[in-house]
Amino acid sequence: GIPFANGEKHLAVEVEDHPLDYADFEGIIPKGQYGGG
């Protein structure tokens, strides 16, 4: 998750680019699909 304490560092693993429309995506990714959940 997001670090809150000044100087706190969290690992961030870069993944594939997503379309801008993904910013509104909220719901279910079907089981068996990439990122299902």
PDB file of all heavy atoms in Angstrom:
ATOM      1  N   GLY A   1       0.803  -1.212   0.000  1.00  0.00           N
ATOM      2  CA  GLY A   1       0.000   0.000   0.000  1.00  0.00           C
ATOM      3  C   GLY A   1       0.839   1.266   0.000  1.00  0.00           C
ATOM      4  O   GLY A   1       2.064   1.235  -0.095  1.00  0.00           O
ATOM      5  N   ILE A   2       0.171   2.395   0.132  1.00  0.00           N
ATOM      6  CA  ILE A   2       0.819   3.697   0.031  1.00  0.00           C
ATOM      7  C   ILE A   2       1.556   4.034   1.324  1.00  0.00           C
ATOM      8  O   ILE A   2       0.965   3.933   2.407  1.00  0.00           O
ATOM      9  CB  ILE A   2      -0.225   4.789  -0.283  1.00  0.00           C
ATOM     10  CG1 ILE A   2      -1.077   4.382  -1.487  1.00  0.00           C
ATOM     11  CG2 ILE A   2       0.457   6.136  -0.522  1.00  0.00           C
ATOM     12  CD1 ILE A   2      -0.293   4.092  -2.741  1.00  0.00           C
ATOM     13  N   PRO A   3       2.814   4.466   1.250  1.00  0.00           N
ATOM     14  CA  PRO A   3       3.532   4.882   2.461  1.00  0.00           C
ATOM     15  C   PRO A   3       3.053   6.250   2.946  1.00  0.00           C
ATOM     16  O   PRO A   3       2.775   7.136   2.132  1.00  0.00           O
ATOM     17  CB  PRO A   3       4.990   4.928   1.999  1.00  0.00           C
ATOM     18  CG  PRO A   3       4.922   5.186   0.529  1.00  0.00           C
ATOM     19  CD  PRO A   3       3.667   4.516   0.057  1.00  0.00           C
ATOM     20  N   PHE A   4       3.000   6.436   4.268  1.00  0.00           N
ATOM     21  CA  PHE A   4       2.534   7.690   4.844  1.00  0.00           C
ATOM     22  C   PHE A   4       3.612   8.422   5.639  1.00  0.00           C
ATOM     23  O   PHE A   4       3.586   9.642   5.733  1.00  0.00           O
ATOM     24  CB  PHE A   4       1.326   7.435   5.749  1.00  0.00           C
ATOM     25  CG  PHE A   4       0.082   7.021   5.011  1.00  0.00           C
ATOM     26  CD1 PHE A   4      -0.238   5.675   4.849  1.00  0.00           C
ATOM     27  CD2 PHE A   4      -0.761   7.970   4.461  1.00  0.00           C
ATOM     28  CE1 PHE A   4      -1.383   5.293   4.165  1.00  0.00           C
ATOM     29  CE2 PHE A   4      -1.904   7.599   3.777  1.00  0.00           C
ATOM     30  CZ  PHE A   4      -2.219   6.260   3.623  1.00  0.00           C
ATOM     31  N   ALA A   5       4.548   7.690   6.235  1.00  0.00           N
ATOM     32  CA  ALA A   5       5.604   8.318   7.034  1.00  0.00           C
ATOM     33  C   ALA A   5       6.674   8.896   6.120  1.00  0.00           C
ATOM     34  O   ALA A   5       7.049   8.272   5.112  1.00  0.00           O
ATOM     35  CB  ALA A   5       6.220   7.297   7.986  1.00  0.00           C
ATOM     36  N   ASN A   6       7.166  10.084   6.426  1.00  0.00           N
ATOM     37  CA  ASN A   6       8.169  10.730   5.588  1.00  0.00           C
ATOM     38  C   ASN A   6       9.408   9.841   5.468  1.00  0.00           C
ATOM     39  O   ASN A   6       9.952   9.371   6.465  1.00  0.00           O
ATOM     40  CB  ASN A   6       8.561  12.084   6.180  1.00  0.00           C
ATOM     41  CG  ASN A   6       9.375  12.913   5.200  1.00  0.00           C
ATOM     42  OD1 ASN A   6       9.022  13.007   4.027  1.00  0.00           O
ATOM     43  ND2 ASN A   6      10.458  13.499   5.657  1.00  0.00           N
ATOM     44  N   GLY A   7       9.831   9.581   4.228  1.00  0.00           N
ATOM     45  CA  GLY A   7      10.986   8.738   3.975  1.00  0.00           C
ATOM     46  C   GLY A   7      10.666   7.256   3.896  1.00  0.00           C
ATOM     47  O   GLY A   7      11.528   6.453   3.518  1.00  0.00           O
ATOM     48  N   GLU A   8       9.430   6.856   4.239  1.00  0.00           N
ATOM     49  CA  GLU A   8       9.029   5.441   4.167  1.00  0.00           C
ATOM     50  C   GLU A   8       8.988   4.989   2.714  1.00  0.00           C
ATOM     51  O   GLU A   8       8.492   5.698   1.838  1.00  0.00           O
ATOM     52  CB  GLU A   8       7.670   5.259   4.830  1.00  0.00           C
ATOM     53  CG  GLU A   8       7.174   3.825   4.888  1.00  0.00           C
ATOM     54  CD  GLU A   8       5.806   3.699   5.530  1.00  0.00           C
ATOM     55  OE1 GLU A   8       5.205   4.753   5.854  1.00  0.00           O
ATOM     56  OE2 GLU A   8       5.337   2.561   5.709  1.00  0.00           O
ATOM     57  N   LYS A   9       9.503   3.790   2.447  1.00  0.00           N
ATOM     58  CA  LYS A   9       9.585   3.267   1.080  1.00  0.00           C
ATOM     59  C   LYS A   9       8.851   1.939   0.980  1.00  0.00           C
ATOM     60  O   LYS A   9       9.021   1.071   1.832  1.00  0.00           O
ATOM     61  CB  LYS A   9      11.045   3.060   0.665  1.00  0.00           C
ATOM     62  CG  LYS A   9      11.941   4.277   0.796  1.00  0.00           C
ATOM     63  CD  LYS A   9      13.359   3.926   0.406  1.00  0.00           C
ATOM     64  CE  LYS A   9      14.302   5.105   0.573  1.00  0.00           C
ATOM     65  NZ  LYS A   9      14.569   5.418   1.993  1.00  0.00           N
ATOM     66  N   HIS A  10       8.037   1.795  -0.065  1.00  0.00           N
ATOM     67  CA  HIS A  10       7.358   0.537  -0.343  1.00  0.00           C
ATOM     68  C   HIS A  10       7.711   0.073  -1.748  1.00  0.00           C
ATOM     69  O   HIS A  10       7.775   0.893  -2.675  1.00  0.00           O
ATOM     70  CB  HIS A  10       5.843   0.695  -0.223  1.00  0.00           C
ATOM     71  CG  HIS A  10       5.358   0.837   1.183  1.00  0.00           C
ATOM     72  ND1 HIS A  10       4.022   0.991   1.501  1.00  0.00           N
ATOM     73  CD2 HIS A  10       6.008   0.830   2.375  1.00  0.00           C
ATOM     74  CE1 HIS A  10       3.892   1.098   2.820  1.00  0.00           C
ATOM     75  NE2 HIS A  10       5.091   0.997   3.365  1.00  0.00           N
ATOM     76  N   LEU A  11       7.912  -1.214  -1.902  1.00  0.00           N
ATOM     77  CA  LEU A  11       8.188  -1.775  -3.213  1.00  0.00           C
ATOM     78  C   LEU A  11       7.000  -1.528  -4.145  1.00  0.00           C
ATOM     79  O   LEU A  11       5.840  -1.732  -3.772  1.00  0.00           O
ATOM     80  CB  LEU A  11       8.440  -3.280  -3.099  1.00  0.00           C
ATOM     81  CG  LEU A  11       8.667  -4.023  -4.422  1.00  0.00           C
ATOM     82  CD1 LEU A  11       9.962  -3.580  -5.078  1.00  0.00           C
ATOM     83  CD2 LEU A  11       8.660  -5.529  -4.188  1.00  0.00           C
ATOM     84  N   ALA A  12       7.305  -1.098  -5.376  1.00  0.00           N
ATOM     85  CA  ALA A  12       6.284  -0.869  -6.402  1.00  0.00           C
ATOM     86  C   ALA A  12       6.752  -1.580  -7.670  1.00  0.00           C
ATOM     87  O   ALA A  12       7.777  -1.204  -8.254  1.00  0.00           O
ATOM     88  CB  ALA A  12       6.086   0.617  -6.654  1.00  0.00           C
ATOM     89  N   VAL A  13       6.025  -2.613  -8.082  1.00  0.00           N
ATOM     90  CA  VAL A  13       6.415  -3.413  -9.234  1.00  0.00           C
ATOM     91  C   VAL A  13       5.663  -2.907 -10.458  1.00  0.00           C
ATOM     92  O   VAL A  13       4.426  -2.951 -10.516  1.00  0.00           O
ATOM     93  CB  VAL A  13       6.112  -4.905  -9.007  1.00  0.00           C
ATOM     94  CG1 VAL A  13       6.533  -5.726 -10.219  1.00  0.00           C
ATOM     95  CG2 VAL A  13       6.819  -5.404  -7.745  1.00  0.00           C
ATOM     96  N   GLU A  14       6.422  -2.402 -11.442  1.00  0.00           N
ATOM     97  CA  GLU A  14       5.769  -1.859 -12.638  1.00  0.00           C
ATOM     98  C   GLU A  14       5.135  -2.989 -13.438  1.00  0.00           C
ATOM     99  O   GLU A  14       5.741  -4.039 -13.663  1.00  0.00           O
ATOM    100  CB  GLU A  14       6.766  -1.101 -13.504  1.00  0.00           C
ATOM    101  CG  GLU A  14       6.102  -0.353 -14.649  1.00  0.00           C
ATOM    102  CD  GLU A  14       7.016   0.609 -15.364  1.00  0.00           C
ATOM    103  OE1 GLU A  14       8.258   0.521 -15.177  1.00  0.00           O
ATOM    104  OE2 GLU A  14       6.505   1.462 -16.114  1.00  0.00           O
ATOM    105  N   VAL A  15       3.893  -2.759 -13.857  1.00  0.00           N
ATOM    106  CA  VAL A  15       3.154  -3.732 -14.665  1.00  0.00           C
ATOM    107  C   VAL A  15       2.785  -3.067 -15.986  1.00  0.00           C
ATOM    108  O   VAL A  15       3.195  -1.942 -16.268  1.00  0.00           O
ATOM    109  CB  VAL A  15       1.897  -4.234 -13.921  1.00  0.00           C
ATOM    110  CG1 VAL A  15       2.300  -4.981 -12.655  1.00  0.00           C
ATOM    111  CG2 VAL A  15       0.952  -3.084 -13.581  1.00  0.00           C
ATOM    112  N   GLU A  16       2.013  -3.750 -16.803  1.00  0.00           N
ATOM    113  CA  GLU A  16       1.679  -3.232 -18.125  1.00  0.00           C
ATOM    114  C   GLU A  16       0.861  -1.939 -18.036  1.00  0.00           C
ATOM    115  O   GLU A  16       0.124  -1.719 -17.068  1.00  0.00           O
ATOM    116  CB  GLU A  16       0.901  -4.280 -18.933  1.00  0.00           C
ATOM    117  CG  GLU A  16      -0.548  -4.517 -18.505  1.00  0.00           C
ATOM    118  CD  GLU A  16      -0.696  -5.464 -17.329  1.00  0.00           C
ATOM    119  OE1 GLU A  16       0.329  -5.860 -16.738  1.00  0.00           O
ATOM    120  OE2 GLU A  16      -1.844  -5.802 -17.001  1.00  0.00           O
ATOM    121  N   ASP A  17       1.015  -1.074 -19.048  1.00  0.00           N
ATOM    122  CA  ASP A  17       0.203   0.131 -19.126  1.00  0.00           C
ATOM    123  C   ASP A  17      -1.270  -0.241 -19.254  1.00  0.00           C
ATOM    124  O   ASP A  17      -1.622  -1.266 -19.849  1.00  0.00           O
ATOM    125  CB  ASP A  17       0.612   0.976 -20.337  1.00  0.00           C
ATOM    126  CG  ASP A  17       2.053   1.457 -20.260  1.00  0.00           C
ATOM    127  OD1 ASP A  17       2.591   1.520 -19.148  1.00  0.00           O
ATOM    128  OD2 ASP A  17       2.631   1.767 -21.323  1.00  0.00           O
ATOM    129  N   HIS A  18      -2.140   0.602 -18.698  1.00  0.00           N
ATOM    130  CA  HIS A  18      -3.587   0.404 -18.770  1.00  0.00           C
ATOM    131  C   HIS A  18      -4.234   1.578 -19.515  1.00  0.00           C
ATOM    132  O   HIS A  18      -3.697   2.693 -19.496  1.00  0.00           O
ATOM    133  CB  HIS A  18      -4.179   0.308 -17.358  1.00  0.00           C
ATOM    134  CG  HIS A  18      -3.939  -1.010 -16.696  1.00  0.00           C
ATOM    135  ND1 HIS A  18      -2.692  -1.590 -16.598  1.00  0.00           N
ATOM    136  CD2 HIS A  18      -4.798  -1.875 -16.075  1.00  0.00           C
ATOM    137  CE1 HIS A  18      -2.787  -2.748 -15.959  1.00  0.00           C
ATOM    138  NE2 HIS A  18      -4.055  -2.942 -15.632  1.00  0.00           N
ATOM    139  N   PRO A  19      -5.397   1.358 -20.148  1.00  0.00           N
ATOM    140  CA  PRO A  19      -6.089   2.470 -20.821  1.00  0.00           C
ATOM    141  C   PRO A  19      -6.631   3.468 -19.805  1.00  0.00           C
ATOM    142  O   PRO A  19      -6.897   3.118 -18.649  1.00  0.00           O
ATOM    143  CB  PRO A  19      -7.222   1.773 -21.580  1.00  0.00           C
ATOM    144  CG  PRO A  19      -7.452   0.488 -20.855  1.00  0.00           C
ATOM    145  CD  PRO A  19      -6.110   0.072 -20.318  1.00  0.00           C
ATOM    146  N   LEU A  20      -6.814   4.712 -20.249  1.00  0.00           N
ATOM    147  CA  LEU A  20      -7.311   5.751 -19.349  1.00  0.00           C
ATOM    148  C   LEU A  20      -8.672   5.396 -18.772  1.00  0.00           C
ATOM    149  O   LEU A  20      -8.985   5.736 -17.625  1.00  0.00           O
ATOM    150  CB  LEU A  20      -7.398   7.087 -20.085  1.00  0.00           C
ATOM    151  CG  LEU A  20      -6.074   7.702 -20.556  1.00  0.00           C
ATOM    152  CD1 LEU A  20      -6.327   9.061 -21.216  1.00  0.00           C
ATOM    153  CD2 LEU A  20      -5.089   7.855 -19.402  1.00  0.00           C
ATOM    154  N   ASP A  21      -9.489   4.691 -19.546  1.00  0.00           N
ATOM    155  CA  ASP A  21     -10.819   4.308 -19.067  1.00  0.00           C
ATOM    156  C   ASP A  21     -10.754   3.398 -17.844  1.00  0.00           C
ATOM    157  O   ASP A  21     -11.744   3.239 -17.125  1.00  0.00           O
ATOM    158  CB  ASP A  21     -11.616   3.605 -20.171  1.00  0.00           C
ATOM    159  CG  ASP A  21     -12.102   4.566 -21.234  1.00  0.00           C
ATOM    160  OD1 ASP A  21     -12.057   5.791 -20.988  1.00  0.00           O
ATOM    161  OD2 ASP A  21     -12.515   4.112 -22.315  1.00  0.00           O
ATOM    162  N   TYR A  22      -9.605   2.800 -17.597  1.00  0.00           N
ATOM    163  CA  TYR A  22      -9.476   1.896 -16.457  1.00  0.00           C
ATOM    164  C   TYR A  22      -9.585   2.639 -15.128  1.00  0.00           C
ATOM    165  O   TYR A  22      -9.848   2.036 -14.085  1.00  0.00           O
ATOM    166  CB  TYR A  22      -8.142   1.156 -16.517  1.00  0.00           C
ATOM    167  CG  TYR A  22      -8.186  -0.226 -15.903  1.00  0.00           C
ATOM    168  CD1 TYR A  22      -8.412  -1.346 -16.698  1.00  0.00           C
ATOM    169  CD2 TYR A  22      -8.017  -0.416 -14.541  1.00  0.00           C
ATOM    170  CE1 TYR A  22      -8.470  -2.617 -16.151  1.00  0.00           C
ATOM    171  CE2 TYR A  22      -8.075  -1.682 -13.979  1.00  0.00           C
ATOM    172  CZ  TYR A  22      -8.311  -2.775 -14.781  1.00  0.00           C
ATOM    173  OH  TYR A  22      -8.382  -4.023 -14.231  1.00  0.00           O
ATOM    174  N   ALA A  23      -9.398   3.951 -15.164  1.00  0.00           N
ATOM    175  CA  ALA A  23      -9.473   4.743 -13.931  1.00  0.00           C
ATOM    176  C   ALA A  23     -10.839   4.646 -13.275  1.00  0.00           C
ATOM    177  O   ALA A  23     -10.966   4.828 -12.061  1.00  0.00           O
ATOM    178  CB  ALA A  23      -9.138   6.204 -14.220  1.00  0.00           C
ATOM    179  N   ASP A  24     -11.881   4.342 -14.035  1.00  0.00           N
ATOM    180  CA  ASP A  24     -13.235   4.226 -13.497  1.00  0.00           C
ATOM    181  C   ASP A  24     -13.623   2.783 -13.180  1.00  0.00           C
ATOM    182  O   ASP A  24     -14.747   2.526 -12.749  1.00  0.00           O
ATOM    183  CB  ASP A  24     -14.253   4.770 -14.500  1.00  0.00           C
ATOM    184  CG  ASP A  24     -14.195   6.275 -14.596  1.00  0.00           C
ATOM    185  OD1 ASP A  24     -13.920   6.929 -13.580  1.00  0.00           O
ATOM    186  OD2 ASP A  24     -14.412   6.807 -15.695  1.00  0.00           O
ATOM    187  N   PHE A  25     -12.725   1.853 -13.423  1.00  0.00           N
ATOM    188  CA  PHE A  25     -13.098   0.447 -13.271  1.00  0.00           C
ATOM    189  C   PHE A  25     -13.190   0.056 -11.807  1.00  0.00           C
ATOM    190  O   PHE A  25     -12.228   0.183 -11.047  1.00  0.00           O
ATOM    191  CB  PHE A  25     -12.101  -0.465 -13.982  1.00  0.00           C
ATOM    192  CG  PHE A  25     -12.464  -1.916 -13.879  1.00  0.00           C
ATOM    193  CD1 PHE A  25     -13.423  -2.467 -14.711  1.00  0.00           C
ATOM    194  CD2 PHE A  25     -11.879  -2.734 -12.926  1.00  0.00           C
ATOM    195  CE1 PHE A  25     -13.788  -3.804 -14.604  1.00  0.00           C
ATOM    196  CE2 PHE A  25     -12.227  -4.074 -12.811  1.00  0.00           C
ATOM    197  CZ  PHE A  25     -13.182  -4.606 -13.649  1.00  0.00           C
ATOM    198  N   GLU A  26     -14.350  -0.451 -11.436  1.00  0.00           N
ATOM    199  CA  GLU A  26     -14.589  -0.968 -10.088  1.00  0.00           C
ATOM    200  C   GLU A  26     -15.566  -2.116 -10.194  1.00  0.00           C
ATOM    201  O   GLU A  26     -16.643  -1.968 -10.757  1.00  0.00           O
ATOM    202  CB  GLU A  26     -15.155   0.113  -9.177  1.00  0.00           C
ATOM    203  CG  GLU A  26     -15.426  -0.362  -7.760  1.00  0.00           C
ATOM    204  CD  GLU A  26     -15.806   0.781  -6.832  1.00  0.00           C
ATOM    205  OE1 GLU A  26     -14.924   1.570  -6.470  1.00  0.00           O
ATOM    206  OE2 GLU A  26     -16.999   0.879  -6.487  1.00  0.00           O
ATOM    207  N   GLY A  27     -15.191  -3.264  -9.676  1.00  0.00           N
ATOM    208  CA  GLY A  27     -16.089  -4.409  -9.756  1.00  0.00           C
ATOM    209  C   GLY A  27     -15.325  -5.706  -9.696  1.00  0.00           C
ATOM    210  O   GLY A  27     -14.362  -5.833  -8.938  1.00  0.00           O
ATOM    211  N   ILE A  28     -15.755  -6.668 -10.505  1.00  0.00           N
ATOM    212  CA  ILE A  28     -15.209  -8.017 -10.442  1.00  0.00           C
ATOM    213  C   ILE A  28     -14.499  -8.367 -11.738  1.00  0.00           C
ATOM    214  O   ILE A  28     -15.056  -8.197 -12.818  1.00  0.00           O
ATOM    215  CB  ILE A  28     -16.325  -9.051 -10.197  1.00  0.00           C
ATOM    216  CG1 ILE A  28     -17.111  -8.693  -8.930  1.00  0.00           C
ATOM    217  CG2 ILE A  28     -15.746 -10.463 -10.089  1.00  0.00           C
ATOM    218  CD1 ILE A  28     -16.288  -8.689  -7.674  1.00  0.00           C
ATOM    219  N   ILE A  29     -13.269  -8.860 -11.625  1.00  0.00           N
ATOM    220  CA  ILE A  29     -12.593  -9.521 -12.740  1.00  0.00           C
ATOM    221  C   ILE A  29     -12.848 -11.014 -12.549  1.00  0.00           C
ATOM    222  O   ILE A  29     -12.565 -11.564 -11.483  1.00  0.00           O
ATOM    223  CB  ILE A  29     -11.079  -9.230 -12.735  1.00  0.00           C
ATOM    224  CG1 ILE A  29     -10.827  -7.724 -12.856  1.00  0.00           C
ATOM    225  CG2 ILE A  29     -10.389  -9.976 -13.883  1.00  0.00           C
ATOM    226  CD1 ILE A  29      -9.367  -7.340 -12.721  1.00  0.00           C
ATOM    227  N   PRO A  30     -13.426 -11.680 -13.556  1.00  0.00           N
ATOM    228  CA  PRO A  30     -13.831 -13.079 -13.370  1.00  0.00           C
ATOM    229  C   PRO A  30     -12.674 -13.997 -12.963  1.00  0.00           C
ATOM    230  O   PRO A  30     -11.526 -13.797 -13.358  1.00  0.00           O
ATOM    231  CB  PRO A  30     -14.374 -13.470 -14.750  1.00  0.00           C
ATOM    232  CG  PRO A  30     -14.751 -12.180 -15.388  1.00  0.00           C
ATOM    233  CD  PRO A  30     -13.764 -11.173 -14.889  1.00  0.00           C
ATOM    234  N   LYS A  31     -13.004 -14.991 -12.165  1.00  0.00           N
ATOM    235  CA  LYS A  31     -12.036 -15.998 -11.752  1.00  0.00           C
ATOM    236  C   LYS A  31     -11.491 -16.698 -12.990  1.00  0.00           C
ATOM    237  O   LYS A  31     -12.225 -17.045 -13.906  1.00  0.00           O
ATOM    238  CB  LYS A  31     -12.713 -17.018 -10.822  1.00  0.00           C
ATOM    239  CG  LYS A  31     -11.752 -18.034 -10.228  1.00  0.00           C
ATOM    240  CD  LYS A  31     -12.486 -18.964  -9.265  1.00  0.00           C
ATOM    241  CE  LYS A  31     -11.520 -19.981  -8.664  1.00  0.00           C
ATOM    242  NZ  LYS A  31     -12.204 -20.899  -7.714  1.00  0.00           N
ATOM    243  N   GLY A  32     -10.198 -16.903 -13.015  1.00  0.00           N
ATOM    244  CA  GLY A  32      -9.559 -17.538 -14.168  1.00  0.00           C
ATOM    245  C   GLY A  32      -8.997 -16.537 -15.150  1.00  0.00           C
ATOM    246  O   GLY A  32      -8.166 -16.885 -15.992  1.00  0.00           O
ATOM    247  N   GLN A  33      -9.442 -15.281 -15.054  1.00  0.00           N
ATOM    248  CA  GLN A  33      -8.889 -14.218 -15.888  1.00  0.00           C
ATOM    249  C   GLN A  33      -7.683 -13.593 -15.194  1.00  0.00           C
ATOM    250  O   GLN A  33      -7.526 -13.688 -13.971  1.00  0.00           O
ATOM    251  CB  GLN A  33      -9.951 -13.152 -16.154  1.00  0.00           C
ATOM    252  CG  GLN A  33     -11.055 -13.595 -17.081  1.00  0.00           C
ATOM    253  CD  GLN A  33     -10.542 -13.870 -18.483  1.00  0.00           C
ATOM    254  OE1 GLN A  33     -10.098 -12.977 -19.187  1.00  0.00           O
ATOM    255  NE2 GLN A  33     -10.578 -15.137 -18.877  1.00  0.00           N
ATOM    256  N   TYR A  34      -6.832 -12.948 -15.965  1.00  0.00           N
ATOM    257  CA  TYR A  34      -5.659 -12.281 -15.419  1.00  0.00           C
ATOM    258  C   TYR A  34      -6.089 -11.255 -14.365  1.00  0.00           C
ATOM    259  O   TYR A  34      -6.927 -10.397 -14.632  1.00  0.00           O
ATOM    260  CB  TYR A  34      -4.901 -11.585 -16.546  1.00  0.00           C
ATOM    261  CG  TYR A  34      -3.709 -10.769 -16.093  1.00  0.00           C
ATOM    262  CD1 TYR A  34      -2.535 -11.388 -15.682  1.00  0.00           C
ATOM    263  CD2 TYR A  34      -3.771  -9.384 -16.090  1.00  0.00           C
ATOM    264  CE1 TYR A  34      -1.445 -10.644 -15.277  1.00  0.00           C
ATOM    265  CE2 TYR A  34      -2.679  -8.630 -15.685  1.00  0.00           C
ATOM    266  CZ  TYR A  34      -1.516  -9.266 -15.281  1.00  0.00           C
ATOM    267  OH  TYR A  34      -0.441  -8.516 -14.867  1.00  0.00           O
ATOM    268  N   GLY A  35      -5.544 -11.384 -13.154  1.00  0.00           N
ATOM    269  CA  GLY A  35      -5.913 -10.449 -12.089  1.00  0.00           C
ATOM    270  C   GLY A  35      -7.281 -10.705 -11.505  1.00  0.00           C
ATOM    271  O   GLY A  35      -7.860  -9.816 -10.866  1.00  0.00           O
ATOM    272  N   GLY A  36      -7.819 -11.900 -11.698  1.00  0.00           N
ATOM    273  CA  GLY A  36      -9.168 -12.209 -11.221  1.00  0.00           C
ATOM    274  C   GLY A  36      -9.367 -11.874  -9.749  1.00  0.00           C
ATOM    275  O   GLY A  36      -8.546 -12.227  -8.908  1.00  0.00           O
ATOM    276  N   GLY A  37     -10.466 -11.182  -9.438  1.00  0.00           N
ATOM    277  CA  GLY A  37     -10.755 -10.783  -8.067  1.00  0.00           C
ATOM    278  C   GLY A  37     -11.550  -9.496  -8.021  1.00  0.00           C
ATOM    279  O   GLY A  37     -12.131  -9.062  -9.021  1.00  0.00           O
TER     280      GLY A  37
END
